[in-house]
Protein backbone atom coordinates (compact mmCIF):
# COMPACT_ATOMS: atom_id res chain seq x y z
CA MET A 1 84.68 146.00 119.43
CA GLN A 2 82.96 146.41 116.22
CA LEU A 3 85.24 145.83 113.32
CA PRO A 4 85.76 148.89 110.65
CA ASP A 5 83.77 148.29 107.28
CA VAL A 6 85.75 146.77 104.68
CA THR A 7 86.79 149.00 101.42
CA PRO A 8 88.59 148.36 98.39
CA ASP A 9 91.34 150.09 99.20
CA GLY A 10 91.95 149.07 102.80
CA LEU A 11 91.28 145.28 101.84
CA ARG A 12 94.31 146.15 99.00
CA VAL A 13 96.78 147.46 101.81
CA ALA A 14 96.13 144.61 104.32
CA LEU A 15 96.91 142.11 101.62
CA ALA A 16 100.15 143.75 99.88
CA GLN A 17 100.94 143.97 103.48
CA ALA A 18 100.59 140.42 104.36
CA VAL A 19 102.84 139.24 100.77
CA ASP A 20 105.27 141.58 101.35
CA THR A 21 106.32 139.81 104.87
CA ALA A 22 106.17 136.63 103.59
CA MET A 23 109.63 135.29 104.38
CA TYR A 24 110.64 131.35 102.79
CA TRP A 25 114.16 130.60 103.64
CA GLN A 26 114.29 131.29 107.76
CA GLU A 27 112.73 130.19 111.09
CA PRO A 28 109.38 131.73 111.75
CA ASP A 29 109.86 135.03 113.44
CA GLY A 30 108.69 136.64 116.98
CA VAL A 31 105.32 138.14 115.03
CA ASP A 32 104.57 135.11 113.64
CA VAL A 33 105.37 132.90 117.11
CA LEU A 34 102.87 136.04 118.45
CA ASN A 35 100.19 135.56 115.72
CA ALA A 36 100.34 131.59 116.06
CA THR A 37 98.70 131.64 119.61
CA GLU A 38 95.66 130.77 120.11
CA PRO A 39 93.94 134.21 121.27
CA VAL A 40 95.33 136.12 118.17
CA ARG A 41 94.80 133.45 115.71
CA ARG A 42 90.78 133.70 117.99
CA GLU A 43 91.01 137.82 116.89
CA LEU A 44 91.89 136.63 113.23
CA ARG A 45 89.92 134.61 112.65
CA ARG A 46 86.84 136.85 113.80
CA VAL A 47 88.93 139.46 111.12
CA GLY A 48 89.22 137.48 108.44
CA GLU A 49 85.39 135.57 108.57
CA HIS A 50 84.36 139.52 108.82
CA ILE A 51 86.49 140.28 105.56
CA ALA A 52 85.00 136.65 104.18
CA ARG A 53 81.37 138.40 104.06
CA SER A 54 82.09 141.54 102.07
CA LEU A 55 81.13 142.07 99.02
CA HIS A 56 84.45 143.46 97.99
CA SER A 57 86.43 139.92 98.89
CA GLN A 58 84.17 138.06 96.06
CA TRP A 59 86.71 138.23 93.83
CA TRP A 60 89.22 136.19 96.17
CA THR A 61 87.45 132.91 95.01
CA THR A 62 86.97 133.13 91.50
CA PRO A 63 88.98 131.87 88.68
CA PRO A 64 90.82 134.35 86.33
CA ALA A 65 89.58 136.98 83.72
CA LEU A 66 91.43 135.31 80.42
CA THR A 67 90.19 138.50 78.38
CA ASP A 68 91.64 140.85 80.72
CA GLN A 69 94.85 139.08 81.93
CA TRP A 70 98.20 141.62 83.09
CA SER A 71 101.36 140.56 83.00
CA VAL A 72 104.50 142.89 85.24
CA TRP A 73 106.39 142.68 81.96
CA THR A 74 109.09 144.31 83.96
CA TRP A 75 110.00 145.97 86.82
CA GLY A 76 112.27 149.40 87.39
CA ASP A 77 113.65 151.36 84.20
CA ASP A 78 114.38 148.16 82.18
CA CYS A 79 112.53 148.68 78.71
CA PRO A 80 110.52 145.24 77.75
CA ASP A 81 112.62 142.42 76.85
CA LEU A 82 110.91 141.19 73.26
CA PRO A 83 111.46 139.05 72.30
CA VAL A 84 111.55 136.10 74.93
CA PRO A 85 111.99 132.46 75.11
CA THR A 86 108.80 130.52 74.62
CA ALA A 87 106.83 128.36 76.96
CA ALA A 88 108.32 125.04 76.12
CA ASP A 89 112.61 126.18 76.13
CA ARG A 90 111.90 128.16 79.66
CA LEU A 91 110.20 124.59 80.72
CA HIS A 92 112.67 122.53 79.05
CA LEU A 93 115.41 124.01 80.46
CA TRP A 94 114.17 124.16 84.11
CA GLY A 95 112.95 120.56 84.17
CA GLU A 96 116.82 119.91 83.13
CA ARG A 97 118.39 122.11 85.23
CA THR A 98 116.39 120.79 88.29
CA LEU A 99 116.93 117.40 87.92
CA VAL A 100 120.88 118.17 87.46
CA ASN A 101 120.83 120.30 90.68
CA GLU A 102 118.75 117.57 92.59
CA GLU A 103 121.62 115.29 91.78
CA ARG A 104 124.19 117.38 92.32
CA ALA A 105 122.68 118.61 95.48
CA ALA A 106 122.36 114.49 96.76
CA ARG A 107 125.69 113.98 96.54
CA ASP A 108 127.55 117.27 98.12
CA PRO A 109 124.96 119.08 99.88
CA SER A 110 127.10 122.16 99.65
CA THR A 111 126.41 122.49 96.40
CA SER A 112 122.76 122.70 96.41
CA PHE A 113 121.06 126.02 95.04
CA PHE A 114 117.83 126.20 94.02
CA GLY A 115 115.75 128.77 95.54
CA TRP A 116 112.65 128.56 97.79
CA TRP A 117 110.57 128.88 95.29
CA SER A 118 107.93 126.49 93.44
CA THR A 119 106.74 128.71 91.04
CA PRO A 120 106.54 127.42 86.89
CA PRO A 121 109.49 129.11 85.10
CA THR A 122 107.16 130.76 82.53
CA ARG A 123 105.08 133.95 82.51
CA SER A 124 102.11 134.89 84.87
CA SER A 125 99.59 137.44 84.85
CA THR A 126 96.93 139.28 87.22
CA ARG A 127 93.66 140.88 86.63
CA ARG A 128 93.21 144.71 87.26
CA LEU A 129 91.70 145.51 90.75
CA ALA A 130 88.73 147.64 90.64
CA ASP A 131 90.86 150.75 90.63
CA GLY A 132 92.08 149.42 87.17
CA THR A 133 95.44 148.76 88.46
CA PRO A 134 96.79 145.02 87.53
CA ALA A 135 96.81 143.53 90.84
CA GLY A 136 100.05 141.89 90.07
CA LEU A 137 101.64 145.66 90.98
CA TRP A 138 100.29 145.31 94.52
CA PHE A 139 100.76 142.00 96.05
CA VAL A 140 104.54 140.54 95.18
CA GLU A 141 106.31 138.20 98.06
CA ASP A 142 108.56 140.04 99.68
CA SER A 143 109.07 142.67 97.58
CA MET A 144 112.14 145.41 96.58
CA GLY A 145 110.49 148.48 97.22
CA TRP A 146 110.21 148.96 92.88
CA GLU A 147 109.06 152.27 92.02
CA ARG A 148 107.50 151.30 87.98
CA ALA A 149 107.08 148.86 86.18
CA VAL A 150 105.66 147.90 82.89
CA THR A 151 103.05 145.80 82.08
CA ARG A 152 101.70 144.09 78.96
CA CYS A 153 97.95 143.08 78.54
CA LEU A 154 97.18 139.22 77.76
CA THR A 155 94.34 137.55 75.85
CA ILE A 156 94.12 133.60 76.50
CA SER A 157 92.12 131.38 74.10
CA ALA A 158 88.70 130.96 75.65
CA GLY A 159 88.87 127.29 75.32
CA ALA A 160 92.46 127.12 77.68
CA GLU A 161 92.25 124.47 80.36
CA VAL A 162 93.29 126.24 83.85
CA TYR A 163 94.33 124.27 86.64
CA GLU A 164 92.71 125.74 89.77
CA ILE A 165 94.53 125.86 92.86
CA ASP A 166 91.85 127.13 95.67
CA GLY A 167 93.59 125.37 98.75
CA ARG A 168 96.03 122.29 100.08
CA LYS A 169 93.75 119.98 98.53
CA ALA A 170 94.59 121.20 95.31
CA TRP A 171 97.59 122.00 95.34
CA ALA A 172 98.24 118.40 96.88
CA GLU A 173 96.67 116.84 94.07
CA LEU A 174 98.63 118.68 91.11
CA CYS A 175 101.70 117.08 93.01
CA ARG A 176 100.38 113.96 93.26
CA ARG A 177 100.04 113.50 89.72
CA PHE A 178 103.04 115.01 88.73
CA PRO A 179 105.32 114.72 91.22
CA LEU A 180 109.26 116.59 91.02
CA GLU A 181 111.43 115.66 94.05
CA VAL A 182 113.33 118.86 95.16
CA THR A 183 114.46 117.49 99.15
CA ALA A 184 117.94 117.76 98.26
CA GLN A 185 118.64 121.34 96.44
CA ILE A 186 115.42 122.96 98.77
CA GLY A 187 114.59 120.33 101.97
CA GLU A 188 116.66 122.58 104.17
CA ASP A 189 114.86 126.35 103.46
CA TRP A 190 111.24 125.00 104.22
CA ARG A 191 112.78 123.18 106.92
CA ARG A 192 113.55 126.11 108.06
CA THR A 193 110.51 127.90 107.54
CA THR A 194 107.45 124.95 108.29
CA GLY A 195 109.68 122.64 110.50
CA ARG A 196 108.40 120.46 108.79
CA SER A 197 112.00 117.33 107.88
CA GLY A 198 111.34 114.83 105.45
CA ARG A 199 111.19 114.62 101.64
CA TRP A 200 109.73 117.49 99.43
CA VAL A 201 108.00 117.88 95.68
CA VAL A 202 106.71 120.42 93.48
CA PRO A 203 104.63 119.66 90.54
CA GLY A 204 106.75 118.98 87.73
CA TRP A 205 106.01 121.99 85.14
CA THR A 206 107.12 120.19 82.11
CA LEU A 207 104.48 117.51 82.73
CA VAL A 208 101.83 120.11 83.92
CA ALA A 209 101.90 121.97 80.65
CA SER A 210 101.09 118.42 78.82
CA GLU A 211 97.35 119.06 80.37
CA TYR A 212 97.04 122.59 81.22
CA GLU A 213 98.00 125.84 79.26
CA GLY A 214 97.72 127.21 82.89
CA VAL A 215 97.72 127.06 86.78
CA HIS A 216 95.96 129.86 89.00
CA LEU A 217 96.33 130.62 92.60
CA THR A 218 92.90 131.86 93.58
CA VAL A 219 93.51 134.80 96.60
CA ALA A 220 91.85 132.84 98.53
CA GLY A 221 94.17 129.86 97.90
CA TYR A 222 97.19 131.75 98.94
CA LEU A 223 96.26 133.05 102.11
CA ALA A 224 94.84 129.09 103.36
CA ALA A 225 97.89 127.92 102.32
CA ALA A 226 101.07 129.62 101.03
CA GLY A 227 104.13 129.21 102.84
CA THR A 228 102.59 125.72 104.87
CA ALA A 229 104.32 122.32 104.50
CA ILE A 230 101.33 120.66 102.37
CA ASP A 231 100.91 116.76 102.82
CA VAL A 232 101.18 115.10 99.15
CA ASP A 233 101.01 111.17 100.71
CA ALA A 234 102.35 109.28 103.37
CA ASP A 235 106.07 110.49 102.63
CA THR A 236 106.45 113.51 100.56
CA ALA A 237 105.01 117.43 101.55
CA SER A 238 105.36 120.61 99.13
CA VAL A 239 105.30 124.17 99.84
CA ILE A 240 103.32 126.87 97.73
CA ALA A 241 106.03 129.44 97.57
CA GLY A 242 107.19 132.31 95.61
CA TRP A 243 103.44 133.00 93.81
CA GLY A 244 101.25 135.90 94.00
CA PRO A 245 97.64 135.71 95.72
CA ASP A 246 95.30 135.53 91.94
CA GLU A 247 98.43 134.46 89.66
CA THR A 248 98.39 132.26 86.66
CA TYR A 249 101.36 131.01 85.45
CA TRP A 250 101.16 130.14 81.39
CA LEU A 251 102.71 126.82 80.94
CA THR A 252 102.13 127.49 76.94
CA ASP A 253 102.29 130.59 73.99
CA ALA A 254 98.81 130.04 73.45
CA LEU A 255 97.90 133.57 74.54
CA VAL A 256 97.72 137.18 72.44
CA GLY A 257 100.05 140.01 73.87
CA GLY A 258 98.33 143.22 73.61
CA ASP A 259 99.33 147.19 74.90
CA PHE A 260 102.08 147.66 77.11
CA GLN A 261 101.64 150.36 80.14
CA THR A 262 103.86 151.56 82.02
CA TRP A 263 103.28 152.55 86.07
CA ARG A 264 104.80 154.27 88.69
CA CYS A 265 104.72 154.43 92.39
CA ASP A 266 103.66 157.28 94.74
CA THR A 267 105.41 156.67 97.80
CA ALA A 268 105.02 160.21 99.38
CA GLY A 269 101.60 158.62 101.33
CA ARG A 270 100.69 156.22 104.09
CA HIS A 271 100.47 153.52 101.59
CA PRO A 272 102.01 153.03 98.42
CA ARG A 273 99.57 154.21 95.21
CA TRP A 274 100.27 153.08 92.14
CA ALA A 275 99.39 155.50 89.14
CA GLU A 276 99.77 154.68 85.23
CA GLU A 277 102.48 156.93 83.61
CA PRO A 278 101.25 159.39 81.28
CA ARG A 279 102.34 157.93 77.31
């Protein structure tokens, strides 16, 4: 069977649907189990190779465009929350809470509440797609069905050091260099979704910030590695959880905020479509 031509809209819709169905707090559902069988994997591999050859997917492997980044400032009808805490304040508070939660959960597992994500606690941004919409509007894991969002343009210093996560190896290396154990507070959730039991770590973002201004996950890296157990060393593993494709988390405040844009999502058609709200 001949596969259809790849189009920007079709590719965006397919990627958005794949991201929206991500669930890291439960066992794989029936669709996940079926997709993991060899006959289905073989056909999916053929589709993936077809997409990878398209010019429309080439940006999936590229680093962020530092002069044209867009952050989803708020979802829904809320106003932009200005001023916001500094990145340093967010990282410090996150580091303290993570250590306290790990110690508490190790003593009494019933007190564990960390969530399932492995993202930094700071602002993130994405590039704009070919139609002018920020990628962050479309690619949201387990989205809440928002129909309005406020985004803000960010300009990043040309010399900013950004760590590139293009797959499992890059994530494992980041965890290996800056390990922070979260087994007691997150291990059960990740065991359910990956089937792996053992010790778990996430990158210690406070330490990562001492070397990098940002951390970027490519679309290809997301598709290849998100939601899977990634071996860090012989005893520990990690999961890329809660990230969006092409998302860059900024670990310092070395960026300039620009104009705000408000977007509305039209859900009347077959697929949702974001459009800028008239000012």
